[in-house]
C-alpha atoms as a PDB file:
ATOM      1  CA  UNK A   1     199.710  -5.075 130.071  1.00  0.00           C
ATOM      2  CA  UNK A   2     197.868  -1.879 129.719  1.00  0.00           C
ATOM      3  CA  UNK A   3     194.166  -2.292 129.653  1.00  0.00           C
ATOM      4  CA  UNK A   4     191.807   0.339 127.905  1.00  0.00           C
ATOM      5  CA  UNK A   5     188.289  -0.378 129.183  1.00  0.00           C
ATOM      6  CA  UNK A   6     186.119   2.437 128.925  1.00  0.00           C
ATOM      7  CA  UNK A   7     185.413   6.156 129.648  1.00  0.00           C
ATOM      8  CA  UNK A   8     184.154   7.668 132.786  1.00  0.00           C
ATOM      9  CA  UNK A   9     180.777   9.264 132.174  1.00  0.00           C
ATOM     10  CA  UNK A  10     181.337  13.097 132.809  1.00  0.00           C
ATOM     11  CA  UNK A  11     179.139  14.957 135.358  1.00  0.00           C
ATOM     12  CA  UNK A  12     178.591  17.500 132.674  1.00  0.00           C
ATOM     13  CA  UNK A  13     177.165  16.133 129.476  1.00  0.00           C
ATOM     14  CA  UNK A  14     179.159  17.846 126.469  1.00  0.00           C
ATOM     15  CA  UNK A  15     179.227  16.742 122.963  1.00  0.00           C
ATOM     16  CA  UNK A  16     182.055  14.365 122.634  1.00  0.00           C
ATOM     17  CA  UNK A  17     183.107  10.865 121.686  1.00  0.00           C
ATOM     18  CA  UNK A  18     180.805   8.391 123.194  1.00  0.00           C
ATOM     19  CA  UNK A  19     180.852   4.543 123.221  1.00  0.00           C
ATOM     20  CA  UNK A  20     179.129   1.714 124.713  1.00  0.00           C
ATOM     21  CA  UNK A  21     181.916   1.388 127.485  1.00  0.00           C
ATOM     22  CA  UNK A  22     180.914   4.856 128.953  1.00  0.00           C
ATOM     23  CA  UNK A  23     179.844   4.323 132.533  1.00  0.00           C
ATOM     24  CA  UNK A  24     179.412   6.010 135.897  1.00  0.00           C
ATOM     25  CA  UNK A  25     182.670   6.899 137.921  1.00  0.00           C
ATOM     26  CA  UNK A  26     181.900   4.202 140.584  1.00  0.00           C
ATOM     27  CA  UNK A  27     181.809   1.414 137.915  1.00  0.00           C
ATOM     28  CA  UNK A  28     184.884   2.615 136.250  1.00  0.00           C
ATOM     29  CA  UNK A  29     186.759   2.871 139.597  1.00  0.00           C
ATOM     30  CA  UNK A  30     185.697  -0.886 140.617  1.00  0.00           C
ATOM     31  CA  UNK A  31     186.859  -2.007 137.099  1.00  0.00           C
ATOM     32  CA  UNK A  32     190.191  -0.116 137.672  1.00  0.00           C
ATOM     33  CA  UNK A  33     190.827  -1.963 140.996  1.00  0.00           C
ATOM     34  CA  UNK A  34     190.042  -5.345 139.560  1.00  0.00           C
ATOM     35  CA  UNK A  35     192.519  -4.507 136.743  1.00  0.00           C
ATOM     36  CA  UNK A  36     195.189  -3.653 139.113  1.00  0.00           C
ATOM     37  CA  UNK A  37     194.388  -6.938 141.362  1.00  0.00           C
ATOM     38  CA  UNK A  38     194.954  -8.808 137.986  1.00  0.00           C
ATOM     39  CA  UNK A  39     198.518  -7.406 137.778  1.00  0.00           C
ATOM     40  CA  UNK A  40     197.784  -5.104 134.707  1.00  0.00           C
ATOM     41  CA  UNK A  41     197.884  -1.390 134.380  1.00  0.00           C
ATOM     42  CA  UNK A  42     194.554   0.334 133.272  1.00  0.00           C
ATOM     43  CA  UNK A  43     194.277   3.457 131.252  1.00  0.00           C
ATOM     44  CA  UNK A  44     191.804   5.899 132.783  1.00  0.00           C
ATOM     45  CA  UNK A  45     189.706   8.099 130.447  1.00  0.00           C
ATOM     46  CA  UNK A  46     187.215  10.799 131.343  1.00  0.00           C
ATOM     47  CA  UNK A  47     184.540  11.762 128.856  1.00  0.00           C
ATOM     48  CA  UNK A  48     185.398  15.666 129.190  1.00  0.00           C
ATOM     49  CA  UNK A  49     189.095  14.943 128.495  1.00  0.00           C
ATOM     50  CA  UNK A  50     188.547  12.713 125.685  1.00  0.00           C
ATOM     51  CA  UNK A  51     190.663  13.194 122.436  1.00  0.00           C
ATOM     52  CA  UNK A  52     188.239  15.737 120.849  1.00  0.00           C
ATOM     53  CA  UNK A  53     187.669  17.720 123.932  1.00  0.00           C
ATOM     54  CA  UNK A  54     189.688  18.849 126.794  1.00  0.00           C
ATOM     55  CA  UNK A  55     187.524  20.257 129.615  1.00  0.00           C
ATOM     56  CA  UNK A  56     188.831  19.814 133.184  1.00  0.00           C
ATOM     57  CA  UNK A  57     186.026  21.602 135.080  1.00  0.00           C
ATOM     58  CA  UNK A  58     183.940  20.450 136.683  1.00  0.00           C
ATOM     59  CA  UNK A  59     186.512  18.091 138.415  1.00  0.00           C
ATOM     60  CA  UNK A  60     185.057  14.547 138.546  1.00  0.00           C
ATOM     61  CA  UNK A  61     184.383  12.891 141.931  1.00  0.00           C
ATOM     62  CA  UNK A  62     186.732  10.055 141.077  1.00  0.00           C
ATOM     63  CA  UNK A  63     189.745  11.990 140.527  1.00  0.00           C
ATOM     64  CA  UNK A  64     190.249  12.244 144.305  1.00  0.00           C
ATOM     65  CA  UNK A  65     189.662   8.437 144.364  1.00  0.00           C
ATOM     66  CA  UNK A  66     192.285   7.704 141.740  1.00  0.00           C
ATOM     67  CA  UNK A  67     194.825   9.597 144.013  1.00  0.00           C
ATOM     68  CA  UNK A  68     193.995   7.478 146.974  1.00  0.00           C
ATOM     69  CA  UNK A  69     194.291   4.209 144.762  1.00  0.00           C
ATOM     70  CA  UNK A  70     197.791   5.483 143.772  1.00  0.00           C
ATOM     71  CA  UNK A  71     198.822   6.240 147.248  1.00  0.00           C
ATOM     72  CA  UNK A  72     197.388   2.907 148.559  1.00  0.00           C
ATOM     73  CA  UNK A  73     199.365   0.924 145.945  1.00  0.00           C
ATOM     74  CA  UNK A  74     202.641   2.933 146.302  1.00  0.00           C
ATOM     75  CA  UNK A  75     204.042   0.925 149.212  1.00  0.00           C
ATOM     76  CA  UNK A  76     203.637  -2.344 147.239  1.00  0.00           C
ATOM     77  CA  UNK A  77     206.364  -3.933 145.050  1.00  0.00           C
ATOM     78  CA  UNK A  78     203.821  -3.985 142.129  1.00  0.00           C
ATOM     79  CA  UNK A  79     206.198  -5.018 139.506  1.00  0.00           C
ATOM     80  CA  UNK A  80     207.181  -8.097 141.442  1.00  0.00           C
ATOM     81  CA  UNK A  81     203.666  -9.224 142.212  1.00  0.00           C
ATOM     82  CA  UNK A  82     201.395 -11.639 140.332  1.00  0.00           C
ATOM     83  CA  UNK A  83     197.921 -12.447 140.328  1.00  0.00           C
ATOM     84  CA  UNK A  84     196.952 -15.481 142.327  1.00  0.00           C
ATOM     85  CA  UNK A  85     193.499 -15.992 143.516  1.00  0.00           C
ATOM     86  CA  UNK A  86     194.647 -19.214 145.014  1.00  0.00           C
ATOM     87  CA  UNK A  87     195.829 -17.520 148.057  1.00  0.00           C
ATOM     88  CA  UNK A  88     192.392 -16.213 148.990  1.00  0.00           C
ATOM     89  CA  UNK A  89     188.984 -17.673 149.683  1.00  0.00           C
ATOM     90  CA  UNK A  90     187.168 -15.130 147.698  1.00  0.00           C
ATOM     91  CA  UNK A  91     188.085 -11.851 145.923  1.00  0.00           C
ATOM     92  CA  UNK A  92     190.964 -11.092 143.794  1.00  0.00           C
ATOM     93  CA  UNK A  93     194.637 -11.387 144.863  1.00  0.00           C
ATOM     94  CA  UNK A  94     197.891 -10.095 143.662  1.00  0.00           C
ATOM     95  CA  UNK A  95     200.825 -11.575 145.542  1.00  0.00           C
ATOM     96  CA  UNK A  96     204.631 -11.360 145.976  1.00  0.00           C
ATOM     97  CA  UNK A  97     204.533 -14.657 148.201  1.00  0.00           C
ATOM     98  CA  UNK A  98     205.922 -14.124 151.580  1.00  0.00           C
ATOM     99  CA  UNK A  99     206.563 -10.481 150.954  1.00  0.00           C
ATOM    100  CA  UNK A 100     203.280  -8.551 149.988  1.00  0.00           C
ATOM    101  CA  UNK A 101     199.644  -9.210 149.173  1.00  0.00           C
ATOM    102  CA  UNK A 102     196.943  -7.102 147.683  1.00  0.00           C
ATOM    103  CA  UNK A 103     193.330  -8.471 148.040  1.00  0.00           C
ATOM    104  CA  UNK A 104     190.435  -6.731 146.203  1.00  0.00           C
ATOM    105  CA  UNK A 105     187.002  -7.636 147.275  1.00  0.00           C
ATOM    106  CA  UNK A 106     184.527  -5.927 144.922  1.00  0.00           C
ATOM    107  CA  UNK A 107     181.543  -7.082 146.857  1.00  0.00           C
ATOM    108  CA  UNK A 108     183.194  -6.224 150.259  1.00  0.00           C
ATOM    109  CA  UNK A 109     182.855  -8.822 152.984  1.00  0.00           C
ATOM    110  CA  UNK A 110     185.332 -10.896 154.588  1.00  0.00           C
ATOM    111  CA  UNK A 111     187.811 -13.435 153.298  1.00  0.00           C
ATOM    112  CA  UNK A 112     190.670 -15.664 154.244  1.00  0.00           C
ATOM    113  CA  UNK A 113     194.144 -15.863 152.971  1.00  0.00           C
ATOM    114  CA  UNK A 114     196.962 -18.362 152.839  1.00  0.00           C
ATOM    115  CA  UNK A 115     200.062 -16.921 154.486  1.00  0.00           C
ATOM    116  CA  UNK A 116     202.022 -20.144 154.660  1.00  0.00           C
ATOM    117  CA  UNK A 117     204.727 -18.490 152.518  1.00  0.00           C
ATOM    118  CA  UNK A 118     205.510 -15.957 155.452  1.00  0.00           C
ATOM    119  CA  UNK A 119     208.456 -16.848 157.387  1.00  0.00           C
ATOM    120  CA  UNK A 120     208.576 -17.336 161.053  1.00  0.00           C
ATOM    121  CA  UNK A 121     209.390 -14.277 163.087  1.00  0.00           C
ATOM    122  CA  UNK A 122     208.102 -11.726 160.555  1.00  0.00           C
ATOM    123  CA  UNK A 123     206.253  -8.736 161.285  1.00  0.00           C
ATOM    124  CA  UNK A 124     202.980  -8.174 159.231  1.00  0.00           C
ATOM    125  CA  UNK A 125     201.222  -4.878 158.667  1.00  0.00           C
ATOM    126  CA  UNK A 126     197.533  -4.741 157.126  1.00  0.00           C
ATOM    127  CA  UNK A 127     195.622  -1.818 155.863  1.00  0.00           C
ATOM    128  CA  UNK A 128     191.996  -1.642 154.565  1.00  0.00           C
ATOM    129  CA  UNK A 129     190.635   0.885 152.113  1.00  0.00           C
ATOM    130  CA  UNK A 130     187.071   1.473 151.295  1.00  0.00           C
ATOM    131  CA  UNK A 131     187.086   1.862 147.286  1.00  0.00           C
ATOM    132  CA  UNK A 132     184.225   4.341 147.073  1.00  0.00           C
ATOM    133  CA  UNK A 133     184.973   6.563 149.958  1.00  0.00           C
ATOM    134  CA  UNK A 134     188.854   6.208 150.598  1.00  0.00           C
ATOM    135  CA  UNK A 135     188.346   5.518 154.066  1.00  0.00           C
ATOM    136  CA  UNK A 136     191.186   3.538 155.619  1.00  0.00           C
ATOM    137  CA  UNK A 137     191.774   1.324 158.575  1.00  0.00           C
ATOM    138  CA  UNK A 138     194.379  -0.594 159.956  1.00  0.00           C
ATOM    139  CA  UNK A 139     193.517  -4.416 160.127  1.00  0.00           C
ATOM    140  CA  UNK A 140     193.928  -6.638 163.182  1.00  0.00           C
ATOM    141  CA  UNK A 141     195.861  -9.616 163.035  1.00  0.00           C
ATOM    142  CA  UNK A 142     195.421 -12.844 165.189  1.00  0.00           C
ATOM    143  CA  UNK A 143     198.932 -12.894 166.413  1.00  0.00           C
ATOM    144  CA  UNK A 144     200.161  -9.358 167.052  1.00  0.00           C
ATOM    145  CA  UNK A 145     203.786  -8.598 166.700  1.00  0.00           C
ATOM    146  CA  UNK A 146     205.713 -11.421 165.379  1.00  0.00           C
ATOM    147  CA  UNK A 147     203.920 -13.681 162.687  1.00  0.00           C
ATOM    148  CA  UNK A 148     204.300 -17.356 162.316  1.00  0.00           C
ATOM    149  CA  UNK A 149     203.245 -17.817 158.929  1.00  0.00           C
ATOM    150  CA  UNK A 150     199.562 -19.625 158.633  1.00  0.00           C
ATOM    151  CA  UNK A 151     196.253 -19.007 157.040  1.00  0.00           C
ATOM    152  CA  UNK A 152     194.101 -16.349 158.697  1.00  0.00           C
ATOM    153  CA  UNK A 153     190.832 -14.589 158.244  1.00  0.00           C
ATOM    154  CA  UNK A 154     190.805 -11.079 156.958  1.00  0.00           C
ATOM    155  CA  UNK A 155     187.875  -9.383 158.697  1.00  0.00           C
ATOM    156  CA  UNK A 156     186.503  -6.473 156.977  1.00  0.00           C
ATOM    157  CA  UNK A 157     186.718  -3.646 159.384  1.00  0.00           C
ATOM    158  CA  UNK A 158     184.235  -0.991 157.968  1.00  0.00           C
ATOM    159  CA  UNK A 159     180.794  -0.392 159.110  1.00  0.00           C
ATOM    160  CA  UNK A 160     179.298  -1.131 155.830  1.00  0.00           C
ATOM    161  CA  UNK A 161     180.987  -4.353 155.212  1.00  0.00           C
ATOM    162  CA  UNK A 162     179.148  -4.823 151.731  1.00  0.00           C
ATOM    163  CA  UNK A 163     180.974  -1.832 150.058  1.00  0.00           C
ATOM    164  CA  UNK A 164     183.886  -2.675 147.699  1.00  0.00           C
ATOM    165  CA  UNK A 165     187.195  -2.550 149.535  1.00  0.00           C
ATOM    166  CA  UNK A 166     190.816  -3.656 149.175  1.00  0.00           C
ATOM    167  CA  UNK A 167     193.386  -4.687 151.851  1.00  0.00           C
ATOM    168  CA  UNK A 168     197.267  -4.902 151.565  1.00  0.00           C
ATOM    169  CA  UNK A 169     199.514  -6.959 153.594  1.00  0.00           C
ATOM    170  CA  UNK A 170     203.132  -6.202 153.997  1.00  0.00           C
ATOM    171  CA  UNK A 171     205.714  -8.543 155.510  1.00  0.00           C
ATOM    172  CA  UNK A 172     208.880  -7.493 157.060  1.00  0.00           C
ATOM    173  CA  UNK A 173     211.325 -10.032 158.089  1.00  0.00           C
ATOM    174  CA  UNK A 174     212.628  -9.533 161.591  1.00  0.00           C
ATOM    175  CA  UNK A 175     216.555 -10.286 161.932  1.00  0.00           C
ATOM    176  CA  UNK A 176     217.550 -11.586 165.142  1.00  0.00           C
ATOM    177  CA  UNK A 177     221.248 -10.870 166.200  1.00  0.00           C
ATOM    178  CA  UNK A 178     223.166 -13.666 167.849  1.00  0.00           C
ATOM    179  CA  UNK A 179     225.290 -12.532 171.095  1.00  0.00           C
END
């Protein structure tokens, strides 16, 4: 699904196509994350590069944020994931059960996640990103090292816990060899 949802308002106001869906960069970026968390692919539009005008200067603030978004999503098996908010207490969840999870919290804060699909003896890695700043932090898990699959809290690690953020969880099955 490709979702066309609006133009980012340019920093420099030039005479170009305008619609009611034109919005500030931070709003468009938050909508973009919500679309990805729903399992869809958004189309990004910038006023200064609309159909009737191509002007890349000045560079919009959000272009760096879109690169950070791409880099953050790159490790996920995105095409195998499906939107399923039943896994989380609040926020939006994209899941490949037992393998990978992406949780978007548009209002920041904490949530809990159902990891009962994670096999015993699996390793879990967790990384958070603040959507508007690009700041990243590794998350803490209750049980370091080997995971035994159960529900757990996702505690927002940022100083400003009310900012929009996203967390990804990647699960690696640990194979134990018999003697």
